[in-house]
Amino acid sequence: GVGVYSFNTSDDEAAQIRNTVQKTVLAH
């Protein structure tokens, strides 16, 4: 099986959200 994740390609706001969320998550 090959599952799929999609990533945002044209939404700058989504990219900023990802960076903030990733920093919050990996702080643990």
mmCIF file of all heavy atoms, coordinates in Angstrom:
data_MODEL
# 
_entry.id   MODEL 
# 
loop_
_atom_site.group_PDB 
_atom_site.id 
_atom_site.type_symbol 
_atom_site.label_atom_id 
_atom_site.label_alt_id 
_atom_site.label_comp_id 
_atom_site.label_asym_id 
_atom_site.label_entity_id 
_atom_site.label_seq_id 
_atom_site.pdbx_PDB_ins_code 
_atom_site.Cartn_x 
_atom_site.Cartn_y 
_atom_site.Cartn_z 
_atom_site.occupancy 
_atom_site.B_iso_or_equiv 
_atom_site.pdbx_formal_charge 
_atom_site.auth_seq_id 
_atom_site.auth_comp_id 
_atom_site.auth_asym_id 
_atom_site.auth_atom_id 
_atom_site.pdbx_PDB_model_num 
ATOM 1   N N   . GLY A 1 1  ? 0.829  -1.203 0.000  1.00 0.00 ? 1  GLY A N   1 
ATOM 2   C CA  . GLY A 1 1  ? 0.000  0.000  0.000  1.00 0.00 ? 1  GLY A CA  1 
ATOM 3   C C   . GLY A 1 1  ? 0.860  1.247  0.000  1.00 0.00 ? 1  GLY A C   1 
ATOM 4   O O   . GLY A 1 1  ? 1.892  1.296  0.665  1.00 0.00 ? 1  GLY A O   1 
ATOM 5   N N   . VAL A 1 2  ? 0.434  2.247  -0.780 1.00 0.00 ? 2  VAL A N   1 
ATOM 6   C CA  . VAL A 1 2  ? 1.118  3.545  -0.795 1.00 0.00 ? 2  VAL A CA  1 
ATOM 7   C C   . VAL A 1 2  ? 0.081  4.610  -0.471 1.00 0.00 ? 2  VAL A C   1 
ATOM 8   O O   . VAL A 1 2  ? -0.772 4.937  -1.304 1.00 0.00 ? 2  VAL A O   1 
ATOM 9   C CB  . VAL A 1 2  ? 1.776  3.834  -2.162 1.00 0.00 ? 2  VAL A CB  1 
ATOM 10  C CG1 . VAL A 1 2  ? 2.486  5.194  -2.125 1.00 0.00 ? 2  VAL A CG1 1 
ATOM 11  C CG2 . VAL A 1 2  ? 2.761  2.733  -2.535 1.00 0.00 ? 2  VAL A CG2 1 
ATOM 12  N N   . GLY A 1 3  ? 0.127  5.107  0.760  1.00 0.00 ? 3  GLY A N   1 
ATOM 13  C CA  . GLY A 1 3  ? -0.797 6.169  1.159  1.00 0.00 ? 3  GLY A CA  1 
ATOM 14  C C   . GLY A 1 3  ? -0.284 7.537  0.715  1.00 0.00 ? 3  GLY A C   1 
ATOM 15  O O   . GLY A 1 3  ? 0.875  7.680  0.319  1.00 0.00 ? 3  GLY A O   1 
ATOM 16  N N   . VAL A 1 4  ? -1.145 8.533  0.781  1.00 0.00 ? 4  VAL A N   1 
ATOM 17  C CA  . VAL A 1 4  ? -0.796 9.854  0.257  1.00 0.00 ? 4  VAL A CA  1 
ATOM 18  C C   . VAL A 1 4  ? -1.086 10.948 1.278  1.00 0.00 ? 4  VAL A C   1 
ATOM 19  O O   . VAL A 1 4  ? -2.158 10.968 1.901  1.00 0.00 ? 4  VAL A O   1 
ATOM 20  C CB  . VAL A 1 4  ? -1.566 10.155 -1.046 1.00 0.00 ? 4  VAL A CB  1 
ATOM 21  C CG1 . VAL A 1 4  ? -1.306 11.582 -1.499 1.00 0.00 ? 4  VAL A CG1 1 
ATOM 22  C CG2 . VAL A 1 4  ? -1.187 9.166  -2.132 1.00 0.00 ? 4  VAL A CG2 1 
ATOM 23  N N   . TYR A 1 5  ? -0.119 11.842 1.468  1.00 0.00 ? 5  TYR A N   1 
ATOM 24  C CA  . TYR A 1 5  ? -0.316 13.108 2.173  1.00 0.00 ? 5  TYR A CA  1 
ATOM 25  C C   . TYR A 1 5  ? -0.216 14.217 1.124  1.00 0.00 ? 5  TYR A C   1 
ATOM 26  O O   . TYR A 1 5  ? 0.621  14.135 0.223  1.00 0.00 ? 5  TYR A O   1 
ATOM 27  C CB  . TYR A 1 5  ? 0.778  13.365 3.217  1.00 0.00 ? 5  TYR A CB  1 
ATOM 28  C CG  . TYR A 1 5  ? 0.811  12.417 4.381  1.00 0.00 ? 5  TYR A CG  1 
ATOM 29  C CD1 . TYR A 1 5  ? 1.993  11.774 4.743  1.00 0.00 ? 5  TYR A CD1 1 
ATOM 30  C CD2 . TYR A 1 5  ? -0.322 12.182 5.151  1.00 0.00 ? 5  TYR A CD2 1 
ATOM 31  C CE1 . TYR A 1 5  ? 2.047  10.929 5.834  1.00 0.00 ? 5  TYR A CE1 1 
ATOM 32  C CE2 . TYR A 1 5  ? -0.280 11.330 6.243  1.00 0.00 ? 5  TYR A CE2 1 
ATOM 33  C CZ  . TYR A 1 5  ? 0.909  10.702 6.580  1.00 0.00 ? 5  TYR A CZ  1 
ATOM 34  O OH  . TYR A 1 5  ? 0.953  9.864  7.661  1.00 0.00 ? 5  TYR A OH  1 
ATOM 35  N N   . SER A 1 6  ? -1.050 15.217 1.253  1.00 0.00 ? 6  SER A N   1 
ATOM 36  C CA  . SER A 1 6  ? -0.929 16.361 0.339  1.00 0.00 ? 6  SER A CA  1 
ATOM 37  C C   . SER A 1 6  ? -0.292 17.530 1.072  1.00 0.00 ? 6  SER A C   1 
ATOM 38  O O   . SER A 1 6  ? -0.436 17.668 2.288  1.00 0.00 ? 6  SER A O   1 
ATOM 39  C CB  . SER A 1 6  ? -2.300 16.773 -0.192 1.00 0.00 ? 6  SER A CB  1 
ATOM 40  O OG  . SER A 1 6  ? -3.137 17.211 0.871  1.00 0.00 ? 6  SER A OG  1 
ATOM 41  N N   . PHE A 1 7  ? 0.469  18.343 0.344  1.00 0.00 ? 7  PHE A N   1 
ATOM 42  C CA  . PHE A 1 7  ? 1.039  19.540 0.965  1.00 0.00 ? 7  PHE A CA  1 
ATOM 43  C C   . PHE A 1 7  ? 0.662  20.781 0.154  1.00 0.00 ? 7  PHE A C   1 
ATOM 44  O O   . PHE A 1 7  ? 0.472  20.715 -1.065 1.00 0.00 ? 7  PHE A O   1 
ATOM 45  C CB  . PHE A 1 7  ? 2.556  19.429 1.132  1.00 0.00 ? 7  PHE A CB  1 
ATOM 46  C CG  . PHE A 1 7  ? 3.346  19.366 -0.150 1.00 0.00 ? 7  PHE A CG  1 
ATOM 47  C CD1 . PHE A 1 7  ? 3.728  20.532 -0.819 1.00 0.00 ? 7  PHE A CD1 1 
ATOM 48  C CD2 . PHE A 1 7  ? 3.749  18.149 -0.679 1.00 0.00 ? 7  PHE A CD2 1 
ATOM 49  C CE1 . PHE A 1 7  ? 4.479  20.478 -1.989 1.00 0.00 ? 7  PHE A CE1 1 
ATOM 50  C CE2 . PHE A 1 7  ? 4.493  18.080 -1.849 1.00 0.00 ? 7  PHE A CE2 1 
ATOM 51  C CZ  . PHE A 1 7  ? 4.848  19.251 -2.503 1.00 0.00 ? 7  PHE A CZ  1 
ATOM 52  N N   . ASN A 1 8  ? 0.522  21.888 0.851  1.00 0.00 ? 8  ASN A N   1 
ATOM 53  C CA  . ASN A 1 8  ? 0.117  23.147 0.214  1.00 0.00 ? 8  ASN A CA  1 
ATOM 54  C C   . ASN A 1 8  ? 1.211  23.646 -0.732 1.00 0.00 ? 8  ASN A C   1 
ATOM 55  O O   . ASN A 1 8  ? 2.387  23.664 -0.384 1.00 0.00 ? 8  ASN A O   1 
ATOM 56  C CB  . ASN A 1 8  ? -0.151 24.218 1.268  1.00 0.00 ? 8  ASN A CB  1 
ATOM 57  C CG  . ASN A 1 8  ? -1.237 23.807 2.250  1.00 0.00 ? 8  ASN A CG  1 
ATOM 58  O OD1 . ASN A 1 8  ? -0.943 23.291 3.328  1.00 0.00 ? 8  ASN A OD1 1 
ATOM 59  N ND2 . ASN A 1 8  ? -2.485 24.032 1.888  1.00 0.00 ? 8  ASN A ND2 1 
ATOM 60  N N   . THR A 1 9  ? 0.798  24.059 -1.911 1.00 0.00 ? 9  THR A N   1 
ATOM 61  C CA  . THR A 1 9  ? 1.773  24.521 -2.900 1.00 0.00 ? 9  THR A CA  1 
ATOM 62  C C   . THR A 1 9  ? 1.669  26.012 -3.203 1.00 0.00 ? 9  THR A C   1 
ATOM 63  O O   . THR A 1 9  ? 2.611  26.598 -3.732 1.00 0.00 ? 9  THR A O   1 
ATOM 64  C CB  . THR A 1 9  ? 1.587  23.754 -4.223 1.00 0.00 ? 9  THR A CB  1 
ATOM 65  O OG1 . THR A 1 9  ? 0.235  23.913 -4.688 1.00 0.00 ? 9  THR A OG1 1 
ATOM 66  C CG2 . THR A 1 9  ? 1.884  22.275 -4.038 1.00 0.00 ? 9  THR A CG2 1 
ATOM 67  N N   . SER A 1 10 ? 0.524  26.610 -2.907 1.00 0.00 ? 10 SER A N   1 
ATOM 68  C CA  . SER A 1 10 ? 0.355  28.008 -3.329 1.00 0.00 ? 10 SER A CA  1 
ATOM 69  C C   . SER A 1 10 ? -0.222 28.905 -2.237 1.00 0.00 ? 10 SER A C   1 
ATOM 70  O O   . SER A 1 10 ? -0.647 30.018 -2.520 1.00 0.00 ? 10 SER A O   1 
ATOM 71  C CB  . SER A 1 10 ? -0.557 28.066 -4.563 1.00 0.00 ? 10 SER A CB  1 
ATOM 72  O OG  . SER A 1 10 ? -1.822 27.483 -4.274 1.00 0.00 ? 10 SER A OG  1 
ATOM 73  N N   . ASP A 1 11 ? -0.247 28.439 -1.012 1.00 0.00 ? 11 ASP A N   1 
ATOM 74  C CA  . ASP A 1 11 ? -0.844 29.211 0.078  1.00 0.00 ? 11 ASP A CA  1 
ATOM 75  C C   . ASP A 1 11 ? 0.251  29.596 1.083  1.00 0.00 ? 11 ASP A C   1 
ATOM 76  O O   . ASP A 1 11 ? 0.701  28.768 1.874  1.00 0.00 ? 11 ASP A O   1 
ATOM 77  C CB  . ASP A 1 11 ? -1.938 28.380 0.768  1.00 0.00 ? 11 ASP A CB  1 
ATOM 78  C CG  . ASP A 1 11 ? -2.807 29.238 1.681  1.00 0.00 ? 11 ASP A CG  1 
ATOM 79  O OD1 . ASP A 1 11 ? -2.268 30.210 2.256  1.00 0.00 ? 11 ASP A OD1 1 
ATOM 80  O OD2 . ASP A 1 11 ? -4.002 28.919 1.832  1.00 0.00 ? 11 ASP A OD2 1 
ATOM 81  N N   . ASP A 1 12 ? 0.700  30.842 1.023  1.00 0.00 ? 12 ASP A N   1 
ATOM 82  C CA  . ASP A 1 12 ? 1.768  31.306 1.921  1.00 0.00 ? 12 ASP A CA  1 
ATOM 83  C C   . ASP A 1 12 ? 1.332  31.276 3.378  1.00 0.00 ? 12 ASP A C   1 
ATOM 84  O O   . ASP A 1 12 ? 2.143  30.995 4.273  1.00 0.00 ? 12 ASP A O   1 
ATOM 85  C CB  . ASP A 1 12 ? 2.186  32.722 1.538  1.00 0.00 ? 12 ASP A CB  1 
ATOM 86  C CG  . ASP A 1 12 ? 2.873  32.770 0.185  1.00 0.00 ? 12 ASP A CG  1 
ATOM 87  O OD1 . ASP A 1 12 ? 3.414  31.723 -0.229 1.00 0.00 ? 12 ASP A OD1 1 
ATOM 88  O OD2 . ASP A 1 12 ? 2.864  33.835 -0.468 1.00 0.00 ? 12 ASP A OD2 1 
ATOM 89  N N   . GLU A 1 13 ? 0.062  31.553 3.624  1.00 0.00 ? 13 GLU A N   1 
ATOM 90  C CA  . GLU A 1 13 ? -0.443 31.535 4.998  1.00 0.00 ? 13 GLU A CA  1 
ATOM 91  C C   . GLU A 1 13 ? -0.344 30.131 5.586  1.00 0.00 ? 13 GLU A C   1 
ATOM 92  O O   . GLU A 1 13 ? 0.036  29.945 6.748  1.00 0.00 ? 13 GLU A O   1 
ATOM 93  C CB  . GLU A 1 13 ? -1.888 32.034 5.040  1.00 0.00 ? 13 GLU A CB  1 
ATOM 94  C CG  . GLU A 1 13 ? -2.460 32.104 6.452  1.00 0.00 ? 13 GLU A CG  1 
ATOM 95  C CD  . GLU A 1 13 ? -3.920 32.521 6.487  1.00 0.00 ? 13 GLU A CD  1 
ATOM 96  O OE1 . GLU A 1 13 ? -4.460 32.913 5.430  1.00 0.00 ? 13 GLU A OE1 1 
ATOM 97  O OE2 . GLU A 1 13 ? -4.527 32.451 7.571  1.00 0.00 ? 13 GLU A OE2 1 
ATOM 98  N N   . ALA A 1 14 ? -0.677 29.128 4.762  1.00 0.00 ? 14 ALA A N   1 
ATOM 99  C CA  . ALA A 1 14 ? -0.602 27.738 5.213  1.00 0.00 ? 14 ALA A CA  1 
ATOM 100 C C   . ALA A 1 14 ? 0.842  27.361 5.548  1.00 0.00 ? 14 ALA A C   1 
ATOM 101 O O   . ALA A 1 14 ? 1.104  26.633 6.514  1.00 0.00 ? 14 ALA A O   1 
ATOM 102 C CB  . ALA A 1 14 ? -1.148 26.802 4.145  1.00 0.00 ? 14 ALA A CB  1 
ATOM 103 N N   . ALA A 1 15 ? 1.797  27.862 4.754  1.00 0.00 ? 15 ALA A N   1 
ATOM 104 C CA  . ALA A 1 15 ? 3.209  27.580 5.017  1.00 0.00 ? 15 ALA A CA  1 
ATOM 105 C C   . ALA A 1 15 ? 3.642  28.174 6.345  1.00 0.00 ? 15 ALA A C   1 
ATOM 106 O O   . ALA A 1 15 ? 4.389  27.550 7.112  1.00 0.00 ? 15 ALA A O   1 
ATOM 107 C CB  . ALA A 1 15 ? 4.067  28.129 3.879  1.00 0.00 ? 15 ALA A CB  1 
ATOM 108 N N   . GLN A 1 16 ? 3.162  29.382 6.637  1.00 0.00 ? 16 GLN A N   1 
ATOM 109 C CA  . GLN A 1 16 ? 3.491  30.021 7.914  1.00 0.00 ? 16 GLN A CA  1 
ATOM 110 C C   . GLN A 1 16 ? 2.883  29.252 9.085  1.00 0.00 ? 16 GLN A C   1 
ATOM 111 O O   . GLN A 1 16 ? 3.511  29.078 10.133 1.00 0.00 ? 16 GLN A O   1 
ATOM 112 C CB  . GLN A 1 16 ? 2.989  31.468 7.915  1.00 0.00 ? 16 GLN A CB  1 
ATOM 113 C CG  . GLN A 1 16 ? 3.734  32.375 6.935  1.00 0.00 ? 16 GLN A CG  1 
ATOM 114 C CD  . GLN A 1 16 ? 3.135  33.765 6.865  1.00 0.00 ? 16 GLN A CD  1 
ATOM 115 O OE1 . GLN A 1 16 ? 2.148  34.066 7.554  1.00 0.00 ? 16 GLN A OE1 1 
ATOM 116 N NE2 . GLN A 1 16 ? 3.704  34.626 6.029  1.00 0.00 ? 16 GLN A NE2 1 
ATOM 117 N N   . ILE A 1 17 ? 1.662  28.785 8.895  1.00 0.00 ? 17 ILE A N   1 
ATOM 118 C CA  . ILE A 1 17 ? 1.001  27.999 9.943  1.00 0.00 ? 17 ILE A CA  1 
ATOM 119 C C   . ILE A 1 17 ? 1.798  26.721 10.213 1.00 0.00 ? 17 ILE A C   1 
ATOM 120 O O   . ILE A 1 17 ? 2.012  26.336 11.369 1.00 0.00 ? 17 ILE A O   1 
ATOM 121 C CB  . ILE A 1 17 ? -0.447 27.662 9.540  1.00 0.00 ? 17 ILE A CB  1 
ATOM 122 C CG1 . ILE A 1 17 ? -1.297 28.932 9.493  1.00 0.00 ? 17 ILE A CG1 1 
ATOM 123 C CG2 . ILE A 1 17 ? -1.058 26.654 10.521 1.00 0.00 ? 17 ILE A CG2 1 
ATOM 124 C CD1 . ILE A 1 17 ? -2.700 28.713 8.964  1.00 0.00 ? 17 ILE A CD1 1 
ATOM 125 N N   . ARG A 1 18 ? 2.243  26.076 9.149  1.00 0.00 ? 18 ARG A N   1 
ATOM 126 C CA  . ARG A 1 18 ? 3.015  24.837 9.302  1.00 0.00 ? 18 ARG A CA  1 
ATOM 127 C C   . ARG A 1 18 ? 4.278  25.088 10.127 1.00 0.00 ? 18 ARG A C   1 
ATOM 128 O O   . ARG A 1 18 ? 4.604  24.314 11.048 1.00 0.00 ? 18 ARG A O   1 
ATOM 129 C CB  . ARG A 1 18 ? 3.412  24.266 7.940  1.00 0.00 ? 18 ARG A CB  1 
ATOM 130 C CG  . ARG A 1 18 ? 4.317  23.023 8.051  1.00 0.00 ? 18 ARG A CG  1 
ATOM 131 C CD  . ARG A 1 18 ? 4.932  22.641 6.717  1.00 0.00 ? 18 ARG A CD  1 
ATOM 132 N NE  . ARG A 1 18 ? 5.966  21.630 6.930  1.00 0.00 ? 18 ARG A NE  1 
ATOM 133 C CZ  . ARG A 1 18 ? 5.783  20.315 6.863  1.00 0.00 ? 18 ARG A CZ  1 
ATOM 134 N NH1 . ARG A 1 18 ? 4.580  19.842 6.582  1.00 0.00 ? 18 ARG A NH1 1 
ATOM 135 N NH2 . ARG A 1 18 ? 6.770  19.479 7.067  1.00 0.00 ? 18 ARG A NH2 1 
ATOM 136 N N   . ASN A 1 19 ? 4.999  26.136 9.815  1.00 0.00 ? 19 ASN A N   1 
ATOM 137 C CA  . ASN A 1 19 ? 6.229  26.439 10.537 1.00 0.00 ? 19 ASN A CA  1 
ATOM 138 C C   . ASN A 1 19 ? 5.962  26.665 12.028 1.00 0.00 ? 19 ASN A C   1 
ATOM 139 O O   . ASN A 1 19 ? 6.694  26.178 12.894 1.00 0.00 ? 19 ASN A O   1 
ATOM 140 C CB  . ASN A 1 19 ? 6.902  27.680 9.941  1.00 0.00 ? 19 ASN A CB  1 
ATOM 141 C CG  . ASN A 1 19 ? 7.447  27.412 8.540  1.00 0.00 ? 19 ASN A CG  1 
ATOM 142 O OD1 . ASN A 1 19 ? 7.715  26.267 8.197  1.00 0.00 ? 19 ASN A OD1 1 
ATOM 143 N ND2 . ASN A 1 19 ? 7.604  28.465 7.749  1.00 0.00 ? 19 ASN A ND2 1 
ATOM 144 N N   . THR A 1 20 ? 4.885  27.397 12.327 1.00 0.00 ? 20 THR A N   1 
ATOM 145 C CA  . THR A 1 20 ? 4.543  27.680 13.729 1.00 0.00 ? 20 THR A CA  1 
ATOM 146 C C   . THR A 1 20 ? 4.140  26.400 14.465 1.00 0.00 ? 20 THR A C   1 
ATOM 147 O O   . THR A 1 20 ? 4.576  26.134 15.595 1.00 0.00 ? 20 THR A O   1 
ATOM 148 C CB  . THR A 1 20 ? 3.395  28.696 13.802 1.00 0.00 ? 20 THR A CB  1 
ATOM 149 O OG1 . THR A 1 20 ? 3.784  29.899 13.124 1.00 0.00 ? 20 THR A OG1 1 
ATOM 150 C CG2 . THR A 1 20 ? 3.045  29.016 15.245 1.00 0.00 ? 20 THR A CG2 1 
ATOM 151 N N   . VAL A 1 21 ? 3.301  25.598 13.803 1.00 0.00 ? 21 VAL A N   1 
ATOM 152 C CA  . VAL A 1 21 ? 2.830  24.352 14.411 1.00 0.00 ? 21 VAL A CA  1 
ATOM 153 C C   . VAL A 1 21 ? 3.994  23.382 14.619 1.00 0.00 ? 21 VAL A C   1 
ATOM 154 O O   . VAL A 1 21 ? 4.114  22.735 15.671 1.00 0.00 ? 21 VAL A O   1 
ATOM 155 C CB  . VAL A 1 21 ? 1.736  23.700 13.539 1.00 0.00 ? 21 VAL A CB  1 
ATOM 156 C CG1 . VAL A 1 21 ? 1.425  22.286 14.039 1.00 0.00 ? 21 VAL A CG1 1 
ATOM 157 C CG2 . VAL A 1 21 ? 0.473  24.547 13.548 1.00 0.00 ? 21 VAL A CG2 1 
ATOM 158 N N   . GLN A 1 22 ? 4.865  23.289 13.625 1.00 0.00 ? 22 GLN A N   1 
ATOM 159 C CA  . GLN A 1 22 ? 5.997  22.367 13.736 1.00 0.00 ? 22 GLN A CA  1 
ATOM 160 C C   . GLN A 1 22 ? 6.903  22.759 14.901 1.00 0.00 ? 22 GLN A C   1 
ATOM 161 O O   . GLN A 1 22 ? 7.371  21.891 15.655 1.00 0.00 ? 22 GLN A O   1 
ATOM 162 C CB  . GLN A 1 22 ? 6.796  22.364 12.428 1.00 0.00 ? 22 GLN A CB  1 
ATOM 163 C CG  . GLN A 1 22 ? 7.992  21.415 12.449 1.00 0.00 ? 22 GLN A CG  1 
ATOM 164 C CD  . GLN A 1 22 ? 8.550  21.169 11.069 1.00 0.00 ? 22 GLN A CD  1 
ATOM 165 O OE1 . GLN A 1 22 ? 7.964  20.465 10.262 1.00 0.00 ? 22 GLN A OE1 1 
ATOM 166 N NE2 . GLN A 1 22 ? 9.703  21.758 10.791 1.00 0.00 ? 22 GLN A NE2 1 
ATOM 167 N N   . LYS A 1 23 ? 7.149  24.051 15.072 1.00 0.00 ? 23 LYS A N   1 
ATOM 168 C CA  . LYS A 1 23 ? 7.976  24.526 16.180 1.00 0.00 ? 23 LYS A CA  1 
ATOM 169 C C   . LYS A 1 23 ? 7.329  24.185 17.527 1.00 0.00 ? 23 LYS A C   1 
ATOM 170 O O   . LYS A 1 23 ? 8.002  23.755 18.472 1.00 0.00 ? 23 LYS A O   1 
ATOM 171 C CB  . LYS A 1 23 ? 8.178  26.038 16.056 1.00 0.00 ? 23 LYS A CB  1 
ATOM 172 C CG  . LYS A 1 23 ? 9.098  26.623 17.119 1.00 0.00 ? 23 LYS A CG  1 
ATOM 173 C CD  . LYS A 1 23 ? 9.297  28.112 16.888 1.00 0.00 ? 23 LYS A CD  1 
ATOM 174 C CE  . LYS A 1 23 ? 10.218 28.696 17.961 1.00 0.00 ? 23 LYS A CE  1 
ATOM 175 N NZ  . LYS A 1 23 ? 10.426 30.157 17.763 1.00 0.00 ? 23 LYS A NZ  1 
ATOM 176 N N   . THR A 1 24 ? 6.025  24.320 17.598 1.00 0.00 ? 24 THR A N   1 
ATOM 177 C CA  . THR A 1 24 ? 5.290  24.017 18.833 1.00 0.00 ? 24 THR A CA  1 
ATOM 178 C C   . THR A 1 24 ? 5.346  22.524 19.161 1.00 0.00 ? 24 THR A C   1 
ATOM 179 O O   . THR A 1 24 ? 5.579  22.122 20.304 1.00 0.00 ? 24 THR A O   1 
ATOM 180 C CB  . THR A 1 24 ? 3.819  24.457 18.711 1.00 0.00 ? 24 THR A CB  1 
ATOM 181 O OG1 . THR A 1 24 ? 3.773  25.860 18.444 1.00 0.00 ? 24 THR A OG1 1 
ATOM 182 C CG2 . THR A 1 24 ? 3.048  24.150 19.979 1.00 0.00 ? 24 THR A CG2 1 
ATOM 183 N N   . VAL A 1 25 ? 5.125  21.708 18.137 1.00 0.00 ? 25 VAL A N   1 
ATOM 184 C CA  . VAL A 1 25 ? 5.095  20.250 18.328 1.00 0.00 ? 25 VAL A CA  1 
ATOM 185 C C   . VAL A 1 25 ? 6.466  19.723 18.736 1.00 0.00 ? 25 VAL A C   1 
ATOM 186 O O   . VAL A 1 25 ? 6.610  18.962 19.709 1.00 0.00 ? 25 VAL A O   1 
ATOM 187 C CB  . VAL A 1 25 ? 4.611  19.546 17.043 1.00 0.00 ? 25 VAL A CB  1 
ATOM 188 C CG1 . VAL A 1 25 ? 4.830  18.031 17.146 1.00 0.00 ? 25 VAL A CG1 1 
ATOM 189 C CG2 . VAL A 1 25 ? 3.142  19.851 16.793 1.00 0.00 ? 25 VAL A CG2 1 
ATOM 190 N N   . LEU A 1 26 ? 7.501  20.103 17.987 1.00 0.00 ? 26 LEU A N   1 
ATOM 191 C CA  . LEU A 1 26 ? 8.838  19.555 18.226 1.00 0.00 ? 26 LEU A CA  1 
ATOM 192 C C   . LEU A 1 26 ? 9.510  20.132 19.464 1.00 0.00 ? 26 LEU A C   1 
ATOM 193 O O   . LEU A 1 26 ? 10.626 19.726 19.817 1.00 0.00 ? 26 LEU A O   1 
ATOM 194 C CB  . LEU A 1 26 ? 9.713  19.774 16.997 1.00 0.00 ? 26 LEU A CB  1 
ATOM 195 C CG  . LEU A 1 26 ? 9.223  19.086 15.708 1.00 0.00 ? 26 LEU A CG  1 
ATOM 196 C CD1 . LEU A 1 26 ? 10.217 19.285 14.579 1.00 0.00 ? 26 LEU A CD1 1 
ATOM 197 C CD2 . LEU A 1 26 ? 8.977  17.587 15.941 1.00 0.00 ? 26 LEU A CD2 1 
ATOM 198 N N   . ALA A 1 27 ? 8.856  21.051 20.140 1.00 0.00 ? 27 ALA A N   1 
ATOM 199 C CA  . ALA A 1 27 ? 9.376  21.547 21.421 1.00 0.00 ? 27 ALA A CA  1 
ATOM 200 C C   . ALA A 1 27 ? 9.313  20.468 22.492 1.00 0.00 ? 27 ALA A C   1 
ATOM 201 O O   . ALA A 1 27 ? 9.996  20.540 23.517 1.00 0.00 ? 27 ALA A O   1 
ATOM 202 C CB  . ALA A 1 27 ? 8.586  22.779 21.862 1.00 0.00 ? 27 ALA A CB  1 
ATOM 203 N N   . HIS A 1 28 ? 8.488  19.447 22.257 1.00 0.00 ? 28 HIS A N   1 
ATOM 204 C CA  . HIS A 1 28 ? 8.372  18.314 23.184 1.00 0.00 ? 28 HIS A CA  1 
ATOM 205 C C   . HIS A 1 28 ? 9.392  17.234 22.806 1.00 0.00 ? 28 HIS A C   1 
ATOM 206 O O   . HIS A 1 28 ? 9.500  16.860 21.633 1.00 0.00 ? 28 HIS A O   1 
ATOM 207 C CB  . HIS A 1 28 ? 6.965  17.721 23.134 1.00 0.00 ? 28 HIS A CB  1 
ATOM 208 C CG  . HIS A 1 28 ? 5.894  18.685 23.559 1.00 0.00 ? 28 HIS A CG  1 
ATOM 209 N ND1 . HIS A 1 28 ? 5.616  18.959 24.879 1.00 0.00 ? 28 HIS A ND1 1 
ATOM 210 C CD2 . HIS A 1 28 ? 5.032  19.452 22.818 1.00 0.00 ? 28 HIS A CD2 1 
ATOM 211 C CE1 . HIS A 1 28 ? 4.626  19.839 24.946 1.00 0.00 ? 28 HIS A CE1 1 
ATOM 212 N NE2 . HIS A 1 28 ? 4.259  20.158 23.712 1.00 0.00 ? 28 HIS A NE2 1 
# 
